[in-house]
Amino acid sequence: MPLAVAVAIVALGMMTALRIRKAAALCGQSRPFQAAPANATARLLLVGDSTAVGTGASRPEASVAGLIARHHPQTEIVNRAKVGARFADIVRQLDPPGRFDIILILGGGNDVIRLTRTRALQASMRRALEMACARADKVVLMPAGNVGNTPFFPLPWAWLMTWRSRRLHALARVAAASCSAIYVNGYKEKADDPFVRDARRLNARDGLHPSDDGYQLWFQALQLQAGLSRRLLALSGGECVTRSHARPLSCESSA
């Protein structure tokens, strides 16, 4: 083996090990955001993986759950997400009884990374959607974006992660349609992905999870594609307004 190739392999291995340590550290620091206001007008259940927990955010309030609470302080948020969860684990997160107005599912990244077989992923995803649709008036499914575009994965692994992410979203579209859930599409090819164009700002320091600004972008996608704020405001009887310090939200959605 030429010396240059050997050096490159060793360097790549050291870089990957460093990124794994950073990701593990962020996962260990993250805690799922929950809210139980006394005057709650809506109940929202959040299930999923580390992105639903909020790994990569500087504080729980900057996660997707925290952003929902900031804009909708009258919403009760129950967060059962777990770091490292695959869709088979999300099924178990949905197992305890309870009725919710909205169930939000954020997951799929670990199935991509840990090479869950397509048939097993399809079955667990369908089961999770069936259970969620039986427990809520509205279900929103937001799979992980294009994992292959993250700085965490070098070539050629990035190509495999992109292919698997594309497959994840194809399965998600079909599974969501099977029970009239709303599918939120966060998949982008590399040339169109803001997490590539503005990688330093939108990705956390591990190069795998979103940063505060990255989660803000996810939150905006939930407004544009699922009309999440419009639905929560309708439950509270409120108008489409936000606090003065927050970025205005759109109440319009095709969903």
C-alpha atoms as a PDB file:
ATOM      1  CA  MET A   1       0.000   0.000   0.000  1.00  0.00           C
ATOM      2  CA  PRO A   2       1.472   3.410  -0.953  1.00  0.00           C
ATOM      3  CA  LEU A   3       2.483   5.536   2.023  1.00  0.00           C
ATOM      4  CA  ALA A   4       0.165   8.417   1.018  1.00  0.00           C
ATOM      5  CA  VAL A   5      -2.861   6.103   0.974  1.00  0.00           C
ATOM      6  CA  ALA A   6      -1.977   4.641   4.362  1.00  0.00           C
ATOM      7  CA  VAL A   7      -1.570   8.109   5.859  1.00  0.00           C
ATOM      8  CA  ALA A   8      -4.934   9.181   4.400  1.00  0.00           C
ATOM      9  CA  ILE A   9      -6.676   6.132   5.874  1.00  0.00           C
ATOM     10  CA  VAL A  10      -5.164   6.739   9.310  1.00  0.00           C
ATOM     11  CA  ALA A  11      -6.102  10.423   9.190  1.00  0.00           C
ATOM     12  CA  LEU A  12      -9.655   9.576   8.144  1.00  0.00           C
ATOM     13  CA  GLY A  13      -9.939   7.077  10.980  1.00  0.00           C
ATOM     14  CA  MET A  14      -8.721   9.619  13.538  1.00  0.00           C
ATOM     15  CA  MET A  15     -11.109  12.261  12.212  1.00  0.00           C
ATOM     16  CA  THR A  16     -14.047   9.838  12.374  1.00  0.00           C
ATOM     17  CA  ALA A  17     -13.175   8.830  15.938  1.00  0.00           C
ATOM     18  CA  LEU A  18     -13.059  12.500  16.960  1.00  0.00           C
ATOM     19  CA  ARG A  19     -16.456  13.174  15.392  1.00  0.00           C
ATOM     20  CA  ILE A  20     -17.951  10.133  17.136  1.00  0.00           C
ATOM     21  CA  ARG A  21     -16.651  11.390  20.488  1.00  0.00           C
ATOM     22  CA  LYS A  22     -18.146  14.829  19.861  1.00  0.00           C
ATOM     23  CA  ALA A  23     -21.511  13.307  18.897  1.00  0.00           C
ATOM     24  CA  ALA A  24     -21.493  11.082  21.997  1.00  0.00           C
ATOM     25  CA  ALA A  25     -20.702  14.088  24.195  1.00  0.00           C
ATOM     26  CA  LEU A  26     -23.571  16.107  22.739  1.00  0.00           C
ATOM     27  CA  CYS A  27     -25.959  13.176  23.144  1.00  0.00           C
ATOM     28  CA  GLY A  28     -24.942  12.810  26.778  1.00  0.00           C
ATOM     29  CA  GLN A  29     -25.628  16.486  27.446  1.00  0.00           C
ATOM     30  CA  SER A  30     -29.034  16.715  25.762  1.00  0.00           C
ATOM     31  CA  ARG A  31     -32.316  16.490  27.652  1.00  0.00           C
ATOM     32  CA  PRO A  32     -35.804  16.330  26.105  1.00  0.00           C
ATOM     33  CA  PHE A  33     -37.820  19.510  26.532  1.00  0.00           C
ATOM     34  CA  GLN A  34     -41.293  19.115  28.049  1.00  0.00           C
ATOM     35  CA  ALA A  35     -43.958  21.603  29.111  1.00  0.00           C
ATOM     36  CA  ALA A  36     -47.048  21.245  31.322  1.00  0.00           C
ATOM     37  CA  PRO A  37     -48.806  24.631  31.528  1.00  0.00           C
ATOM     38  CA  ALA A  38     -51.747  24.825  33.914  1.00  0.00           C
ATOM     39  CA  ASN A  39     -53.889  26.465  31.232  1.00  0.00           C
ATOM     40  CA  ALA A  40     -53.057  24.051  28.423  1.00  0.00           C
ATOM     41  CA  THR A  41     -55.424  24.136  25.450  1.00  0.00           C
ATOM     42  CA  ALA A  42     -53.663  21.450  23.386  1.00  0.00           C
ATOM     43  CA  ARG A  43     -51.656  18.274  23.994  1.00  0.00           C
ATOM     44  CA  LEU A  44     -48.709  17.422  21.755  1.00  0.00           C
ATOM     45  CA  LEU A  45     -46.677  14.214  21.941  1.00  0.00           C
ATOM     46  CA  LEU A  46     -43.162  14.215  20.513  1.00  0.00           C
ATOM     47  CA  VAL A  47     -41.461  10.895  19.799  1.00  0.00           C
ATOM     48  CA  GLY A  48     -38.279  10.022  17.955  1.00  0.00           C
ATOM     49  CA  ASP A  49     -34.510  10.049  18.189  1.00  0.00           C
ATOM     50  CA  SER A  50     -31.815  12.493  19.305  1.00  0.00           C
ATOM     51  CA  THR A  51     -33.163  15.216  16.998  1.00  0.00           C
ATOM     52  CA  ALA A  52     -36.490  15.033  18.850  1.00  0.00           C
ATOM     53  CA  VAL A  53     -34.564  15.181  22.134  1.00  0.00           C
ATOM     54  CA  GLY A  54     -32.761  18.246  20.792  1.00  0.00           C
ATOM     55  CA  THR A  55     -29.174  17.039  20.620  1.00  0.00           C
ATOM     56  CA  GLY A  56     -26.973  19.758  19.166  1.00  0.00           C
ATOM     57  CA  ALA A  57     -29.045  22.636  20.541  1.00  0.00           C
ATOM     58  CA  SER A  58     -27.306  24.896  23.052  1.00  0.00           C
ATOM     59  CA  ARG A  59     -30.209  24.416  25.487  1.00  0.00           C
ATOM     60  CA  PRO A  60     -33.491  22.452  25.496  1.00  0.00           C
ATOM     61  CA  GLU A  61     -35.457  25.631  24.733  1.00  0.00           C
ATOM     62  CA  ALA A  62     -33.689  25.857  21.340  1.00  0.00           C
ATOM     63  CA  SER A  63     -34.862  22.383  20.257  1.00  0.00           C
ATOM     64  CA  VAL A  64     -37.973  21.774  18.150  1.00  0.00           C
ATOM     65  CA  ALA A  65     -40.009  21.085  21.294  1.00  0.00           C
ATOM     66  CA  GLY A  66     -38.658  24.220  22.951  1.00  0.00           C
ATOM     67  CA  LEU A  67     -39.494  26.351  19.912  1.00  0.00           C
ATOM     68  CA  ILE A  68     -43.043  25.004  19.877  1.00  0.00           C
ATOM     69  CA  ALA A  69     -43.411  25.940  23.543  1.00  0.00           C
ATOM     70  CA  ARG A  70     -41.984  29.418  22.939  1.00  0.00           C
ATOM     71  CA  HIS A  71     -44.550  30.193  20.246  1.00  0.00           C
ATOM     72  CA  HIS A  72     -47.406  28.260  21.874  1.00  0.00           C
ATOM     73  CA  PRO A  73     -47.099  28.539  25.667  1.00  0.00           C
ATOM     74  CA  GLN A  74     -50.549  27.019  26.152  1.00  0.00           C
ATOM     75  CA  THR A  75     -49.504  23.702  24.608  1.00  0.00           C
ATOM     76  CA  GLU A  76     -48.708  20.733  26.824  1.00  0.00           C
ATOM     77  CA  ILE A  77     -45.676  18.948  25.385  1.00  0.00           C
ATOM     78  CA  VAL A  78     -44.921  15.349  26.311  1.00  0.00           C
ATOM     79  CA  ASN A  79     -41.533  14.260  24.972  1.00  0.00           C
ATOM     80  CA  ARG A  80     -40.767  10.518  24.972  1.00  0.00           C
ATOM     81  CA  ALA A  81     -37.909  10.696  22.462  1.00  0.00           C
ATOM     82  CA  LYS A  82     -34.674   8.853  23.185  1.00  0.00           C
ATOM     83  CA  VAL A  83     -31.142   9.289  21.905  1.00  0.00           C
ATOM     84  CA  GLY A  84     -30.242   6.499  19.478  1.00  0.00           C
ATOM     85  CA  ALA A  85     -33.837   5.464  18.780  1.00  0.00           C
ATOM     86  CA  ARG A  86     -34.761   3.751  15.544  1.00  0.00           C
ATOM     87  CA  PHE A  87     -38.327   3.403  14.283  1.00  0.00           C
ATOM     88  CA  ALA A  88     -38.613   0.080  16.108  1.00  0.00           C
ATOM     89  CA  ASP A  89     -37.936   2.034  19.322  1.00  0.00           C
ATOM     90  CA  ILE A  90     -40.381   4.772  18.336  1.00  0.00           C
ATOM     91  CA  VAL A  91     -43.080   2.101  18.273  1.00  0.00           C
ATOM     92  CA  ARG A  92     -42.340   1.443  21.950  1.00  0.00           C
ATOM     93  CA  GLN A  93     -42.412   5.179  22.714  1.00  0.00           C
ATOM     94  CA  LEU A  94     -45.990   5.203  21.407  1.00  0.00           C
ATOM     95  CA  ASP A  95     -47.045   2.188  23.463  1.00  0.00           C
ATOM     96  CA  PRO A  96     -48.243   3.866  26.708  1.00  0.00           C
ATOM     97  CA  PRO A  97     -51.908   4.864  26.459  1.00  0.00           C
ATOM     98  CA  GLY A  98     -52.950   8.462  26.074  1.00  0.00           C
ATOM     99  CA  ARG A  99     -54.834  10.767  23.752  1.00  0.00           C
ATOM    100  CA  PHE A 100     -53.217  13.776  22.080  1.00  0.00           C
ATOM    101  CA  ASP A 101     -54.281  16.512  19.698  1.00  0.00           C
ATOM    102  CA  ILE A 102     -51.072  16.206  17.681  1.00  0.00           C
ATOM    103  CA  ILE A 103     -48.298  13.622  17.560  1.00  0.00           C
ATOM    104  CA  LEU A 104     -45.011  14.712  16.008  1.00  0.00           C
ATOM    105  CA  ILE A 105     -42.541  12.033  14.917  1.00  0.00           C
ATOM    106  CA  LEU A 106     -38.923  13.032  14.286  1.00  0.00           C
ATOM    107  CA  GLY A 107     -36.749  10.070  13.378  1.00  0.00           C
ATOM    108  CA  GLY A 108     -35.160   7.785  10.847  1.00  0.00           C
ATOM    109  CA  GLY A 109     -31.584   9.013  11.022  1.00  0.00           C
ATOM    110  CA  ASN A 110     -30.417   6.057  13.107  1.00  0.00           C
ATOM    111  CA  ASP A 111     -32.095   3.630  10.710  1.00  0.00           C
ATOM    112  CA  VAL A 112     -30.089   5.252   7.917  1.00  0.00           C
ATOM    113  CA  ILE A 113     -26.783   5.260   9.789  1.00  0.00           C
ATOM    114  CA  ARG A 114     -27.128   1.838  11.400  1.00  0.00           C
ATOM    115  CA  LEU A 115     -28.210   0.193   8.138  1.00  0.00           C
ATOM    116  CA  THR A 116     -31.653  -1.041   9.173  1.00  0.00           C
ATOM    117  CA  ARG A 117     -32.945  -3.350   6.463  1.00  0.00           C
ATOM    118  CA  THR A 118     -35.600  -1.865   4.219  1.00  0.00           C
ATOM    119  CA  ARG A 119     -38.267  -4.423   5.066  1.00  0.00           C
ATOM    120  CA  ALA A 120     -37.742  -4.021   8.823  1.00  0.00           C
ATOM    121  CA  LEU A 121     -37.768  -0.210   8.541  1.00  0.00           C
ATOM    122  CA  GLN A 122     -40.918  -0.265   6.445  1.00  0.00           C
ATOM    123  CA  ALA A 123     -42.703  -2.496   8.954  1.00  0.00           C
ATOM    124  CA  SER A 124     -41.693  -0.487  12.034  1.00  0.00           C
ATOM    125  CA  MET A 125     -42.502   2.818  10.350  1.00  0.00           C
ATOM    126  CA  ARG A 126     -45.956   1.622   9.324  1.00  0.00           C
ATOM    127  CA  ARG A 127     -46.598   0.307  12.822  1.00  0.00           C
ATOM    128  CA  ALA A 128     -45.518   3.617  14.378  1.00  0.00           C
ATOM    129  CA  LEU A 129     -47.845   5.556  12.062  1.00  0.00           C
ATOM    130  CA  GLU A 130     -50.751   3.205  12.790  1.00  0.00           C
ATOM    131  CA  MET A 131     -50.301   3.630  16.543  1.00  0.00           C
ATOM    132  CA  ALA A 132     -49.861   7.395  16.294  1.00  0.00           C
ATOM    133  CA  CYS A 133     -52.940   7.840  14.100  1.00  0.00           C
ATOM    134  CA  ALA A 134     -54.996   5.877  16.631  1.00  0.00           C
ATOM    135  CA  ARG A 135     -53.859   8.185  19.460  1.00  0.00           C
ATOM    136  CA  ALA A 136     -54.100  11.654  17.885  1.00  0.00           C
ATOM    137  CA  ASP A 137     -56.370  13.755  15.723  1.00  0.00           C
ATOM    138  CA  LYS A 138     -53.390  14.761  13.598  1.00  0.00           C
ATOM    139  CA  VAL A 139     -50.003  13.074  13.073  1.00  0.00           C
ATOM    140  CA  VAL A 140     -46.947  14.758  11.561  1.00  0.00           C
ATOM    141  CA  LEU A 141     -44.011  12.677  10.322  1.00  0.00           C
ATOM    142  CA  MET A 142     -40.709  14.492   9.774  1.00  0.00           C
ATOM    143  CA  PRO A 143     -37.887  12.086   8.886  1.00  0.00           C
ATOM    144  CA  ALA A 144     -34.229  13.058   9.130  1.00  0.00           C
ATOM    145  CA  GLY A 145     -32.955  15.058   6.148  1.00  0.00           C
ATOM    146  CA  ASN A 146     -30.182  13.940   3.836  1.00  0.00           C
ATOM    147  CA  VAL A 147     -27.764  12.386   6.329  1.00  0.00           C
ATOM    148  CA  GLY A 148     -25.181  12.032   3.563  1.00  0.00           C
ATOM    149  CA  ASN A 149     -24.918  15.813   3.342  1.00  0.00           C
ATOM    150  CA  THR A 150     -23.731  16.218   6.935  1.00  0.00           C
ATOM    151  CA  PRO A 151     -20.063  17.044   7.552  1.00  0.00           C
ATOM    152  CA  PHE A 152     -19.911  13.925   9.739  1.00  0.00           C
ATOM    153  CA  PHE A 153     -19.629  11.497   6.814  1.00  0.00           C
ATOM    154  CA  PRO A 154     -16.683  11.603   4.381  1.00  0.00           C
ATOM    155  CA  LEU A 155     -16.746  10.017   0.948  1.00  0.00           C
ATOM    156  CA  PRO A 156     -17.541   7.297   0.028  1.00  0.00           C
ATOM    157  CA  TRP A 157     -19.747   6.825   3.108  1.00  0.00           C
ATOM    158  CA  ALA A 158     -21.625  10.037   2.302  1.00  0.00           C
ATOM    159  CA  TRP A 159     -22.859   8.522  -0.960  1.00  0.00           C
ATOM    160  CA  LEU A 160     -24.273   5.499   0.866  1.00  0.00           C
ATOM    161  CA  MET A 161     -25.937   7.704   3.492  1.00  0.00           C
ATOM    162  CA  THR A 162     -27.519   9.838   0.760  1.00  0.00           C
ATOM    163  CA  TRP A 163     -28.901   6.768  -1.000  1.00  0.00           C
ATOM    164  CA  ARG A 164     -30.305   5.429   2.253  1.00  0.00           C
ATOM    165  CA  SER A 165     -31.784   8.833   3.190  1.00  0.00           C
ATOM    166  CA  ARG A 166     -33.535   8.976  -0.169  1.00  0.00           C
ATOM    167  CA  ARG A 167     -34.954   5.522   0.517  1.00  0.00           C
ATOM    168  CA  LEU A 168     -36.085   6.575   4.013  1.00  0.00           C
ATOM    169  CA  HIS A 169     -38.127   9.431   2.585  1.00  0.00           C
ATOM    170  CA  ALA A 170     -39.684   7.247  -0.098  1.00  0.00           C
ATOM    171  CA  LEU A 171     -40.910   4.871   2.617  1.00  0.00           C
ATOM    172  CA  ALA A 172     -42.071   7.775   4.797  1.00  0.00           C
ATOM    173  CA  ARG A 173     -44.253   9.270   2.054  1.00  0.00           C
ATOM    174  CA  VAL A 174     -46.064   5.965   1.569  1.00  0.00           C
ATOM    175  CA  ALA A 175     -46.409   5.243   5.302  1.00  0.00           C
ATOM    176  CA  ALA A 176     -47.802   8.700   6.041  1.00  0.00           C
ATOM    177  CA  ALA A 177     -50.357   8.452   3.245  1.00  0.00           C
ATOM    178  CA  SER A 178     -51.596   5.128   4.607  1.00  0.00           C
ATOM    179  CA  CYS A 179     -53.227   6.845   7.603  1.00  0.00           C
ATOM    180  CA  SER A 180     -53.566  10.429   6.346  1.00  0.00           C
ATOM    181  CA  ALA A 181     -50.600  11.659   8.382  1.00  0.00           C
ATOM    182  CA  ILE A 182     -48.698  14.731   7.194  1.00  0.00           C
ATOM    183  CA  TYR A 183     -45.270  14.017   5.724  1.00  0.00           C
ATOM    184  CA  VAL A 184     -42.723  16.839   6.061  1.00  0.00           C
ATOM    185  CA  ASN A 185     -40.013  16.602   3.431  1.00  0.00           C
ATOM    186  CA  GLY A 186     -36.605  17.687   4.716  1.00  0.00           C
ATOM    187  CA  TYR A 187     -34.614  15.800   2.079  1.00  0.00           C
ATOM    188  CA  LYS A 188     -32.437  17.909  -0.197  1.00  0.00           C
ATOM    189  CA  GLU A 189     -29.826  17.032  -2.757  1.00  0.00           C
ATOM    190  CA  LYS A 190     -26.425  18.505  -1.959  1.00  0.00           C
ATOM    191  CA  ALA A 191     -26.704  21.490  -4.312  1.00  0.00           C
ATOM    192  CA  ASP A 192     -30.009  22.565  -2.759  1.00  0.00           C
ATOM    193  CA  ASP A 193     -29.341  21.813   0.906  1.00  0.00           C
ATOM    194  CA  PRO A 194     -28.986  24.844   3.215  1.00  0.00           C
ATOM    195  CA  PHE A 195     -27.173  22.568   5.707  1.00  0.00           C
ATOM    196  CA  VAL A 196     -24.444  22.283   3.054  1.00  0.00           C
ATOM    197  CA  ARG A 197     -24.428  25.910   1.903  1.00  0.00           C
ATOM    198  CA  ASP A 198     -24.328  27.225   5.492  1.00  0.00           C
ATOM    199  CA  ALA A 199     -22.807  24.231   7.236  1.00  0.00           C
ATOM    200  CA  ARG A 200     -20.944  26.105   9.973  1.00  0.00           C
ATOM    201  CA  ARG A 201     -24.069  27.927  11.187  1.00  0.00           C
ATOM    202  CA  LEU A 202     -26.705  25.199  10.790  1.00  0.00           C
ATOM    203  CA  ASN A 203     -24.799  22.130  12.021  1.00  0.00           C
ATOM    204  CA  ALA A 204     -23.776  21.431  15.613  1.00  0.00           C
ATOM    205  CA  ARG A 205     -20.108  20.985  16.453  1.00  0.00           C
ATOM    206  CA  ASP A 206     -20.301  17.212  15.904  1.00  0.00           C
ATOM    207  CA  GLY A 207     -21.202  17.766  12.241  1.00  0.00           C
ATOM    208  CA  LEU A 208     -24.178  15.431  12.572  1.00  0.00           C
ATOM    209  CA  HIS A 209     -26.970  17.150  14.513  1.00  0.00           C
ATOM    210  CA  PRO A 210     -28.580  20.540  13.836  1.00  0.00           C
ATOM    211  CA  SER A 211     -27.474  23.631  15.748  1.00  0.00           C
ATOM    212  CA  ASP A 212     -29.880  26.170  17.266  1.00  0.00           C
ATOM    213  CA  ASP A 213     -30.261  27.773  13.835  1.00  0.00           C
ATOM    214  CA  GLY A 214     -30.638  24.340  12.255  1.00  0.00           C
ATOM    215  CA  TYR A 215     -33.540  23.465  14.550  1.00  0.00           C
ATOM    216  CA  GLN A 216     -35.079  26.851  13.766  1.00  0.00           C
ATOM    217  CA  LEU A 217     -35.017  25.841  10.091  1.00  0.00           C
ATOM    218  CA  TRP A 218     -36.717  22.534  10.958  1.00  0.00           C
ATOM    219  CA  PHE A 219     -39.346  24.427  12.944  1.00  0.00           C
ATOM    220  CA  GLN A 220     -40.038  26.656   9.947  1.00  0.00           C
ATOM    221  CA  ALA A 221     -40.452  23.565   7.752  1.00  0.00           C
ATOM    222  CA  LEU A 222     -43.101  22.310  10.168  1.00  0.00           C
ATOM    223  CA  GLN A 223     -45.001  25.573   9.679  1.00  0.00           C
ATOM    224  CA  LEU A 224     -44.724  25.650   5.905  1.00  0.00           C
ATOM    225  CA  GLN A 225     -45.439  21.990   5.196  1.00  0.00           C
ATOM    226  CA  ALA A 226     -47.610  20.900   8.140  1.00  0.00           C
ATOM    227  CA  GLY A 227     -49.170  24.155   9.329  1.00  0.00           C
ATOM    228  CA  LEU A 228     -48.221  23.210  12.882  1.00  0.00           C
ATOM    229  CA  SER A 229     -48.715  26.653  14.397  1.00  0.00           C
ATOM    230  CA  ARG A 230     -52.008  27.139  12.576  1.00  0.00           C
ATOM    231  CA  ARG A 231     -53.290  23.877  14.037  1.00  0.00           C
ATOM    232  CA  LEU A 232     -52.173  24.711  17.583  1.00  0.00           C
ATOM    233  CA  LEU A 233     -53.613  28.206  17.353  1.00  0.00           C
ATOM    234  CA  ALA A 234     -56.925  26.789  16.180  1.00  0.00           C
ATOM    235  CA  LEU A 235     -57.049  24.573  19.275  1.00  0.00           C
ATOM    236  CA  SER A 236     -56.391  27.559  21.529  1.00  0.00           C
ATOM    237  CA  GLY A 237     -58.850  29.799  19.713  1.00  0.00           C
ATOM    238  CA  GLY A 238     -56.061  32.306  19.106  1.00  0.00           C
ATOM    239  CA  GLU A 239     -55.031  34.352  16.119  1.00  0.00           C
ATOM    240  CA  CYS A 240     -51.939  33.930  14.013  1.00  0.00           C
ATOM    241  CA  VAL A 241     -49.574  36.076  16.054  1.00  0.00           C
ATOM    242  CA  THR A 242     -46.327  35.459  17.895  1.00  0.00           C
ATOM    243  CA  ARG A 243     -44.449  37.198  20.664  1.00  0.00           C
ATOM    244  CA  SER A 244     -42.689  40.351  19.556  1.00  0.00           C
ATOM    245  CA  HIS A 245     -39.194  38.866  19.969  1.00  0.00           C
ATOM    246  CA  ALA A 246     -39.947  35.843  17.823  1.00  0.00           C
ATOM    247  CA  ARG A 247     -39.749  35.619  14.062  1.00  0.00           C
ATOM    248  CA  PRO A 248     -43.267  35.856  12.520  1.00  0.00           C
ATOM    249  CA  LEU A 249     -44.763  32.540  11.519  1.00  0.00           C
ATOM    250  CA  SER A 250     -46.863  31.704   8.513  1.00  0.00           C
ATOM    251  CA  CYS A 251     -50.256  30.213   9.314  1.00  0.00           C
ATOM    252  CA  GLU A 252     -50.749  29.108   5.741  1.00  0.00           C
ATOM    253  CA  SER A 253     -50.147  25.538   4.675  1.00  0.00           C
ATOM    254  CA  SER A 254     -51.200  23.250   1.893  1.00  0.00           C
ATOM    255  CA  ALA A 255     -51.653  20.444   4.429  1.00  0.00           C
END
